[in-house]
N, C-alpha and C. Protein backbone atom coordinates (compact mmCIF):
# COMPACT_ATOMS: atom_id res chain seq x y z
N UNK A 1 -12.34 -9.58 31.75
CA UNK A 1 -12.21 -10.56 29.92
C UNK A 1 -11.11 -11.60 29.89
N UNK A 2 -11.65 -12.49 29.26
CA UNK A 2 -10.41 -13.47 29.26
C UNK A 2 -9.78 -13.38 27.62
N UNK A 3 -8.33 -13.68 28.16
CA UNK A 3 -7.16 -12.86 26.87
C UNK A 3 -7.71 -13.76 25.52
N UNK A 4 -7.89 -13.28 24.60
CA UNK A 4 -8.54 -14.14 23.05
C UNK A 4 -7.23 -15.09 22.65
N UNK A 5 -7.63 -15.81 22.16
CA UNK A 5 -6.63 -17.03 21.85
C UNK A 5 -6.80 -17.24 20.17
N UNK A 6 -6.24 -16.87 19.72
CA UNK A 6 -6.29 -16.58 17.86
C UNK A 6 -5.84 -18.23 17.59
N UNK A 7 -6.59 -18.64 16.32
CA UNK A 7 -6.17 -19.90 15.79
C UNK A 7 -4.84 -19.30 14.99
N UNK A 8 -4.36 -20.99 15.04
CA UNK A 8 -2.44 -20.67 14.18
C UNK A 8 -2.89 -20.64 12.91
N UNK A 9 -2.00 -19.85 12.34
CA UNK A 9 -2.25 -19.76 11.04
C UNK A 9 -1.13 -20.21 10.16
N UNK A 10 -1.76 -21.42 9.20
CA UNK A 10 -0.81 -22.10 8.28
C UNK A 10 0.33 -21.12 7.28
N UNK A 11 1.20 -21.14 7.24
CA UNK A 11 2.27 -20.21 6.72
C UNK A 11 2.08 -20.29 5.19
N UNK A 12 1.31 -21.53 4.54
CA UNK A 12 1.39 -21.46 3.38
C UNK A 12 -0.26 -20.60 2.88
N UNK A 13 -0.97 -20.03 3.76
CA UNK A 13 -2.03 -19.73 3.82
C UNK A 13 -1.84 -18.17 3.82
N UNK A 14 -0.73 -17.51 4.65
CA UNK A 14 -0.45 -16.42 4.75
C UNK A 14 -0.68 -15.44 3.68
N UNK A 15 -0.05 -15.63 2.39
CA UNK A 15 -0.23 -14.63 1.32
C UNK A 15 -1.44 -13.94 0.85
N UNK A 16 -2.45 -15.28 0.99
CA UNK A 16 -3.89 -15.08 0.69
C UNK A 16 -4.51 -14.47 1.62
N UNK A 17 -4.17 -14.94 2.70
CA UNK A 17 -4.96 -13.74 4.07
C UNK A 17 -4.69 -12.52 3.95
N UNK A 18 -3.16 -12.21 3.69
CA UNK A 18 -2.83 -10.90 3.51
C UNK A 18 -3.37 -10.07 2.55
N UNK A 19 -3.76 -10.82 0.87
CA UNK A 19 -4.42 -10.49 0.21
C UNK A 19 -5.86 -9.85 0.37
N UNK A 20 -6.60 -10.88 1.10
CA UNK A 20 -7.91 -10.85 1.32
C UNK A 20 -7.84 -9.58 2.34
N UNK A 21 -7.35 -9.50 3.07
CA UNK A 21 -7.13 -8.26 4.41
C UNK A 21 -7.20 -7.00 3.47
N UNK A 22 -6.04 -6.87 2.25
CA UNK A 22 -5.75 -5.69 1.48
C UNK A 22 -7.08 -5.25 1.06
N UNK A 23 -7.66 -6.42 0.34
CA UNK A 23 -8.83 -6.38 -0.89
C UNK A 23 -10.06 -5.46 0.05
N UNK A 24 -10.01 -5.77 1.60
CA UNK A 24 -11.30 -5.46 2.31
C UNK A 24 -11.01 -4.30 2.79
N UNK A 25 -9.74 -4.05 3.23
CA UNK A 25 -9.33 -2.82 4.01
C UNK A 25 -9.80 -1.78 2.95
N UNK A 26 -9.06 -1.75 1.78
CA UNK A 26 -9.59 -0.66 0.70
C UNK A 26 -8.17 0.57 0.96
N UNK A 27 -8.74 1.46 2.09
CA UNK A 27 -7.68 2.54 2.32
C UNK A 27 -6.60 2.34 3.23
N UNK A 28 -5.33 1.87 2.51
CA UNK A 28 -4.57 1.82 3.77
C UNK A 28 -3.81 3.31 4.35
N UNK A 29 -3.33 3.19 5.15
CA UNK A 29 -2.65 4.39 5.85
C UNK A 29 -1.26 4.37 5.66
N UNK A 30 -0.37 5.46 4.83
CA UNK A 30 1.26 5.83 4.21
C UNK A 30 2.09 6.26 5.34
N UNK A 31 2.79 5.93 5.66
CA UNK A 31 3.78 6.69 6.57
C UNK A 31 4.75 6.91 5.92
N UNK A 32 5.36 7.95 6.03
CA UNK A 32 6.83 8.66 5.48
C UNK A 32 7.54 9.57 6.26
N UNK A 33 8.45 9.73 6.04
CA UNK A 33 9.23 10.99 6.80
C UNK A 33 9.48 12.69 6.17
N UNK A 34 8.99 12.80 7.52
CA UNK A 34 9.35 14.50 6.93
C UNK A 34 10.27 14.64 7.88
N UNK A 35 11.62 15.06 7.32
CA UNK A 35 12.57 15.12 8.01
C UNK A 35 12.90 14.14 9.27
N UNK A 36 12.86 14.68 10.75
CA UNK A 36 12.81 13.47 11.52
C UNK A 36 11.31 13.42 12.16
N UNK A 37 10.46 13.52 11.51
CA UNK A 37 8.79 13.73 11.83
C UNK A 37 8.35 13.05 11.12
N UNK A 38 7.78 11.91 11.65
CA UNK A 38 6.54 10.74 10.91
C UNK A 38 5.47 11.14 10.26
N UNK A 39 5.10 11.16 9.42
CA UNK A 39 3.63 11.62 8.85
C UNK A 39 3.20 10.40 8.29
N UNK A 40 1.26 10.35 8.68
CA UNK A 40 0.72 9.33 8.28
C UNK A 40 -0.28 10.11 7.49
N UNK A 41 -0.80 9.09 6.65
CA UNK A 41 -2.00 9.55 5.96
C UNK A 41 -2.94 8.54 4.91
N UNK A 42 -4.40 8.57 5.23
CA UNK A 42 -5.24 7.25 4.16
C UNK A 42 -4.82 7.80 3.03
N UNK A 43 -4.70 6.76 1.99
CA UNK A 43 -4.59 7.25 0.81
C UNK A 43 -5.30 6.02 0.03
N UNK A 44 -5.17 6.17 -1.49
CA UNK A 44 -6.46 5.00 -2.00
C UNK A 44 -5.64 4.72 -2.96
N UNK A 45 -5.34 3.32 -3.45
CA UNK A 45 -3.94 2.94 -4.19
C UNK A 45 -5.06 2.87 -5.44
N UNK A 46 -4.29 2.93 -6.42
CA UNK A 46 -4.71 3.22 -7.70
C UNK A 46 -4.56 2.15 -8.64
N UNK A 47 -3.82 1.10 -8.25
CA UNK A 47 -3.32 -0.34 -8.19
C UNK A 47 -2.61 -1.33 -7.32
N UNK A 48 -2.72 -2.17 -7.34
CA UNK A 48 -2.14 -3.47 -6.61
C UNK A 48 -1.97 -4.82 -7.43
N UNK A 49 -0.33 -5.02 -7.08
CA UNK A 49 -0.15 -6.10 -8.00
C UNK A 49 0.55 -7.31 -6.97
N UNK A 50 0.35 -8.25 -6.64
CA UNK A 50 0.12 -9.10 -5.58
C UNK A 50 0.76 -7.80 -4.39
N UNK A 51 1.64 -7.45 -4.01
CA UNK A 51 2.25 -6.93 -2.47
C UNK A 51 2.73 -5.41 -2.89
N UNK A 52 2.98 -5.27 -4.64
CA UNK A 52 3.47 -3.94 -4.90
C UNK A 52 2.25 -2.67 -5.06
N UNK A 53 2.49 -1.68 -4.64
CA UNK A 53 1.24 -1.06 -4.29
C UNK A 53 1.58 -0.04 -5.19
N UNK A 54 0.64 0.85 -6.22
CA UNK A 54 0.79 1.89 -6.86
C UNK A 54 -0.47 3.32 -6.19
N UNK A 55 0.27 4.47 -5.97
CA UNK A 55 -0.51 5.42 -5.16
C UNK A 55 -0.04 6.49 -6.35
N UNK A 56 -1.35 7.00 -6.64
CA UNK A 56 -1.44 8.64 -7.39
C UNK A 56 -1.23 9.57 -6.58
N UNK A 57 -0.44 10.48 -7.19
CA UNK A 57 0.08 11.86 -6.15
C UNK A 57 -0.03 13.29 -7.08
N UNK A 58 0.09 14.27 -5.71
CA UNK A 58 0.30 15.48 -6.96
C UNK A 58 1.73 16.15 -6.55
N UNK A 59 2.19 16.65 -7.63
CA UNK A 59 3.40 17.25 -7.17
C UNK A 59 3.31 18.07 -6.14
N UNK A 60 2.70 19.04 -6.12
CA UNK A 60 2.66 19.98 -5.05
C UNK A 60 2.23 19.55 -3.60
N UNK A 61 1.91 18.34 -3.64
CA UNK A 61 1.50 17.70 -2.29
C UNK A 61 2.84 17.56 -1.30
N UNK A 62 2.76 17.77 -0.39
CA UNK A 62 4.11 17.67 0.32
C UNK A 62 4.66 16.49 0.57
N UNK A 63 4.12 15.30 0.51
CA UNK A 63 4.19 13.90 0.55
C UNK A 63 5.38 13.86 -0.56
N UNK A 64 5.38 14.40 -1.85
CA UNK A 64 6.42 14.58 -3.13
C UNK A 64 7.58 14.89 -2.27
N UNK A 65 7.75 15.89 -1.53
CA UNK A 65 9.21 16.54 -1.13
C UNK A 65 9.84 15.09 0.01
N UNK A 66 8.96 14.72 0.58
CA UNK A 66 8.90 13.76 1.84
C UNK A 66 10.10 12.41 0.96
N UNK A 67 9.20 11.90 -0.09
CA UNK A 67 9.51 10.87 -0.37
C UNK A 67 10.84 11.03 -1.13
N UNK A 68 10.88 12.15 -2.03
CA UNK A 68 12.37 12.36 -2.60
C UNK A 68 13.31 12.22 -1.92
N UNK A 69 12.81 12.89 -0.61
CA UNK A 69 14.34 12.91 0.32
C UNK A 69 14.23 11.77 1.13
N UNK A 70 13.44 10.91 1.38
CA UNK A 70 13.50 9.51 1.84
C UNK A 70 12.25 8.99 1.58
N UNK A 71 12.73 7.64 0.25
CA UNK A 71 11.59 7.06 -0.51
C UNK A 71 11.30 5.77 0.53
N UNK A 72 11.81 5.48 1.65
CA UNK A 72 11.51 4.62 2.66
C UNK A 72 9.86 4.71 3.25
N UNK A 73 8.90 3.58 3.22
CA UNK A 73 7.68 3.93 3.59
C UNK A 73 7.31 2.78 4.25
N UNK A 74 6.12 3.02 4.92
CA UNK A 74 5.23 1.56 5.17
C UNK A 74 4.09 2.02 5.19
N UNK A 75 3.04 1.23 4.40
CA UNK A 75 1.48 1.01 4.47
C UNK A 75 1.36 -0.05 5.62
N UNK A 76 -0.03 0.47 5.96
CA UNK A 76 -0.96 -0.20 7.28
C UNK A 76 -2.20 -0.23 6.31
N UNK A 77 -2.50 -1.81 6.32
CA UNK A 77 -4.00 -1.79 6.01
C UNK A 77 -4.44 -2.54 6.95
N UNK A 78 -5.75 -2.20 7.55
CA UNK A 78 -6.48 -3.14 8.64
C UNK A 78 -8.19 -3.21 8.32
N UNK A 79 -8.70 -4.23 8.47
CA UNK A 79 -10.23 -5.09 7.73
C UNK A 79 -11.15 -4.45 8.82
N UNK A 80 -12.08 -4.65 8.72
CA UNK A 80 -13.15 -4.33 9.73
C UNK A 80 -13.17 -5.43 10.93
N UNK A 81 -12.15 -6.70 10.56
CA UNK A 81 -12.34 -7.56 11.75
C UNK A 81 -10.64 -7.31 12.67
N UNK A 82 -10.20 -6.44 11.98
CA UNK A 82 -8.82 -5.92 12.61
C UNK A 82 -7.62 -6.45 12.58
N UNK A 83 -7.85 -7.54 11.36
CA UNK A 83 -6.79 -7.91 10.73
C UNK A 83 -5.86 -7.17 10.27
N UNK A 84 -4.42 -7.02 9.96
CA UNK A 84 -3.85 -5.82 9.93
C UNK A 84 -2.65 -6.75 8.60
N UNK A 85 -2.39 -5.96 7.69
CA UNK A 85 -0.89 -6.04 6.64
C UNK A 85 -0.17 -5.06 6.70
N UNK A 86 0.72 -5.16 7.00
CA UNK A 86 1.97 -4.24 7.07
C UNK A 86 3.23 -4.16 5.74
N UNK A 87 2.90 -2.96 5.24
CA UNK A 87 4.09 -3.41 4.11
C UNK A 87 4.98 -2.37 3.84
N UNK A 88 6.41 -2.83 4.27
CA UNK A 88 7.57 -1.81 4.19
C UNK A 88 8.51 -2.04 2.94
N UNK A 89 8.62 -0.95 2.41
CA UNK A 89 9.19 -0.65 1.36
C UNK A 89 9.93 0.71 0.79
N UNK A 90 10.15 0.50 -0.56
CA UNK A 90 10.63 1.76 -0.95
C UNK A 90 9.76 2.45 -2.18
N UNK A 91 9.42 3.61 -1.93
CA UNK A 91 8.53 4.32 -2.97
C UNK A 91 9.25 4.84 -4.09
N UNK A 92 8.91 4.31 -5.38
CA UNK A 92 9.74 4.73 -6.65
C UNK A 92 8.62 5.64 -7.31
N UNK A 93 9.20 6.80 -8.30
CA UNK A 93 8.53 7.27 -9.04
C UNK A 93 7.91 6.00 -10.29
N UNK A 94 6.70 5.85 -10.67
CA UNK A 94 6.98 5.26 -12.05
C UNK A 94 6.82 5.81 -13.16
N UNK A 95 7.76 5.19 -13.94
CA UNK A 95 7.76 5.89 -15.43
C UNK A 95 7.91 4.83 -16.66
N UNK A 96 7.35 3.54 -16.18
CA UNK A 96 6.65 2.70 -17.40
C UNK A 96 5.58 3.20 -17.82
N UNK A 97 5.54 3.79 -19.12
CA UNK A 97 4.33 4.28 -19.68
C UNK A 97 3.08 3.36 -20.33
N UNK A 98 3.57 2.23 -20.34
CA UNK A 98 2.71 1.20 -20.90
C UNK A 98 1.93 1.15 -19.27
N UNK A 99 2.65 0.91 -18.08
CA UNK A 99 1.86 0.78 -16.73
C UNK A 99 1.11 2.07 -16.46
N UNK A 100 1.65 3.45 -16.81
CA UNK A 100 1.05 4.51 -16.70
C UNK A 100 -0.22 4.50 -17.34
N UNK A 101 -0.40 4.09 -18.50
CA UNK A 101 -1.32 4.23 -19.17
C UNK A 101 -2.84 3.57 -18.71
N UNK A 102 -2.12 1.93 -18.38
CA UNK A 102 -3.03 1.30 -17.85
C UNK A 102 -3.40 1.68 -16.20
N UNK A 103 -3.19 2.54 -15.61
CA UNK A 103 -3.55 3.06 -14.56
C UNK A 103 -4.29 4.34 -15.00
N UNK A 104 -4.01 4.97 -15.78
CA UNK A 104 -4.65 6.07 -16.31
C UNK A 104 -6.13 5.86 -16.65
N UNK A 105 -6.31 4.55 -17.58
CA UNK A 105 -7.26 4.01 -18.35
C UNK A 105 -8.54 3.54 -17.43
N UNK A 106 -7.49 2.83 -16.28
CA UNK A 106 -8.59 2.04 -15.51
C UNK A 106 -9.17 3.12 -14.20
N UNK A 107 -9.00 4.34 -14.10
CA UNK A 107 -9.32 5.28 -12.86
C UNK A 107 -9.87 6.66 -13.54
N UNK A 108 -11.13 6.28 -13.44
CA UNK A 108 -12.20 7.38 -13.86
C UNK A 108 -11.78 8.92 -13.14
N UNK A 109 -11.86 8.77 -11.95
CA UNK A 109 -11.50 9.81 -10.96
C UNK A 109 -10.30 10.43 -10.93
N UNK A 110 -8.92 9.74 -11.78
CA UNK A 110 -8.15 10.56 -12.27
C UNK A 110 -8.24 11.11 -13.74
N UNK A 111 -9.41 10.71 -14.35
CA UNK A 111 -9.33 11.37 -15.62
C UNK A 111 -9.82 12.18 -15.21
N UNK A 112 -10.88 12.33 -14.67
CA UNK A 112 -11.91 13.46 -14.39
C UNK A 112 -11.17 14.68 -13.38
N UNK A 113 -10.50 14.33 -12.52
CA UNK A 113 -9.63 15.46 -11.62
C UNK A 113 -8.65 15.77 -12.20
N UNK A 114 -7.84 15.32 -13.47
CA UNK A 114 -6.71 16.01 -13.92
C UNK A 114 -6.84 15.92 -15.38
N UNK A 115 -8.07 15.40 -16.23
CA UNK A 115 -7.80 15.81 -17.57
C UNK A 115 -7.39 15.15 -18.37
N UNK A 116 -5.79 15.25 -18.12
CA UNK A 116 -5.04 14.44 -19.22
C UNK A 116 -4.01 13.60 -18.47
N UNK A 117 -2.94 12.49 -18.89
CA UNK A 117 -2.51 11.42 -18.20
C UNK A 117 -1.39 12.57 -18.52
N UNK A 118 -0.97 13.59 -19.23
CA UNK A 118 0.36 14.50 -19.60
C UNK A 118 0.22 15.68 -18.49
N UNK A 119 -0.88 15.53 -17.81
CA UNK A 119 -0.82 16.65 -16.60
C UNK A 119 0.11 16.71 -15.85
N UNK A 120 1.08 17.75 -15.83
CA UNK A 120 2.66 17.58 -14.84
C UNK A 120 2.12 17.61 -13.41
N UNK A 121 1.06 17.59 -13.12
CA UNK A 121 0.74 17.84 -11.56
C UNK A 121 0.91 15.98 -11.08
N UNK A 122 0.74 15.10 -11.98
CA UNK A 122 0.49 13.92 -11.70
C UNK A 122 2.05 12.92 -11.61
N UNK A 123 1.91 12.33 -10.45
CA UNK A 123 2.90 11.41 -10.10
C UNK A 123 2.50 10.26 -9.62
N UNK A 124 3.16 8.90 -9.82
CA UNK A 124 2.51 7.62 -9.39
C UNK A 124 3.55 7.24 -8.92
N UNK A 125 3.45 6.98 -7.73
CA UNK A 125 4.57 5.61 -6.89
C UNK A 125 4.09 4.58 -6.94
N UNK A 126 5.47 3.77 -7.40
CA UNK A 126 5.17 2.22 -7.51
C UNK A 126 5.90 2.42 -5.76
N UNK A 127 5.26 1.44 -4.99
CA UNK A 127 6.10 1.01 -3.92
C UNK A 127 6.18 -0.33 -3.58
N UNK A 128 7.50 -0.46 -3.76
CA UNK A 128 7.80 -2.18 -3.76
C UNK A 128 8.30 -2.47 -2.11
N UNK A 129 7.62 -3.45 -2.20
CA UNK A 129 8.02 -4.20 -0.68
C UNK A 129 9.34 -4.92 -0.58
N UNK A 130 9.81 -4.46 0.67
CA UNK A 130 10.84 -5.55 1.04
C UNK A 130 10.38 -6.47 2.15
N UNK A 131 9.50 -6.23 2.88
CA UNK A 131 8.53 -6.81 3.96
C UNK A 131 7.50 -7.06 3.82
N UNK A 132 6.45 -7.98 4.16
CA UNK A 132 5.41 -7.96 4.67
C UNK A 132 5.01 -8.76 5.68
N UNK A 133 4.24 -8.26 6.45
CA UNK A 133 3.84 -8.53 7.74
C UNK A 133 2.40 -8.95 7.85
N UNK A 134 1.60 -10.24 8.58
CA UNK A 134 0.11 -10.27 8.68
C UNK A 134 -0.14 -10.17 10.30
N UNK A 135 -0.89 -9.80 10.82
CA UNK A 135 -1.17 -10.17 12.13
C UNK A 135 -2.97 -9.93 11.85
N UNK A 136 -3.23 -11.46 12.74
CA UNK A 136 -4.88 -11.69 12.87
C UNK A 136 -5.09 -10.78 13.92
N UNK A 137 -6.53 -10.42 14.32
CA UNK A 137 -7.20 -9.62 15.53
C UNK A 137 -7.05 -10.25 16.74
N UNK A 138 -6.21 -9.37 17.33
CA UNK A 138 -5.59 -9.71 18.96
C UNK A 138 -4.82 -11.08 18.99
N UNK A 139 -4.12 -11.32 17.86
CA UNK A 139 -3.13 -11.99 17.89
C UNK A 139 -1.72 -11.84 18.89
N UNK A 140 -2.01 -10.70 18.57
CA UNK A 140 -0.46 -9.47 19.16
C UNK A 140 0.93 -10.38 18.55
N UNK A 141 0.84 -10.57 17.50
CA UNK A 141 2.02 -11.34 16.88
C UNK A 141 1.71 -11.12 15.32
N UNK A 142 2.95 -10.71 14.38
CA UNK A 142 3.00 -10.31 13.06
C UNK A 142 4.09 -11.79 12.65
N UNK A 143 3.31 -12.22 11.35
CA UNK A 143 3.84 -13.34 10.98
C UNK A 143 4.39 -12.92 9.30
N UNK A 144 5.60 -12.92 9.06
CA UNK A 144 6.21 -12.79 7.86
C UNK A 144 5.38 -13.27 6.64
N UNK A 145 5.16 -12.84 5.83
CA UNK A 145 4.70 -13.22 4.44
C UNK A 145 5.58 -13.34 3.47
N UNK A 146 5.73 -14.22 2.75
CA UNK A 146 6.18 -14.66 1.56
C UNK A 146 5.87 -13.34 0.22
N UNK A 147 6.92 -12.79 -0.30
CA UNK A 147 6.68 -11.81 -1.43
C UNK A 147 6.51 -12.34 -2.59
N UNK A 148 5.21 -13.16 -2.56
CA UNK A 148 4.99 -13.97 -3.54
C UNK A 148 3.85 -13.38 -4.31
N UNK A 149 3.30 -13.15 -5.42
CA UNK A 149 2.05 -12.89 -6.22
C UNK A 149 0.85 -14.10 -5.71
N UNK A 150 -0.53 -13.54 -5.65
CA UNK A 150 -1.42 -14.16 -5.12
C UNK A 150 -1.97 -14.24 -6.28
N UNK A 151 -2.72 -15.49 -6.90
CA UNK A 151 -3.48 -15.51 -7.94
C UNK A 151 -4.71 -15.32 -7.32
N UNK A 152 -5.75 -14.55 -8.21
CA UNK A 152 -7.18 -15.06 -7.93
C UNK A 152 -7.55 -13.57 -7.40
């Protein structure tokens, strides 16, 4: 089998290519640390604002303890064409009441499962990116994606 030769990518297109991959992938995996043991799990973001990703969680989940001890995380999105977006960042507990209400209002599953936004089990993390990388299928090379908000 011949080695694939991926097309070159215009750096101006990287933010949109990455956003398109994120939209298509829908369910990224979130990596965190449990002491010295990496942990990886699929998640369902409750909101995306450019490359900032919001994740709902229940306080009793072990992930809550992991992120309190070490908030450094990485998200990996992969679409059906095997294009990848990797977001390295820091998970912060979201305290912005307006944003929390917007997330609550736009997520019927949260409302059905938790009943009220004041449910003490609910915690929402804002994953603030410090690096975004994109790789087209079989390219075997990551491109640095500028941390800009993509319109559209």
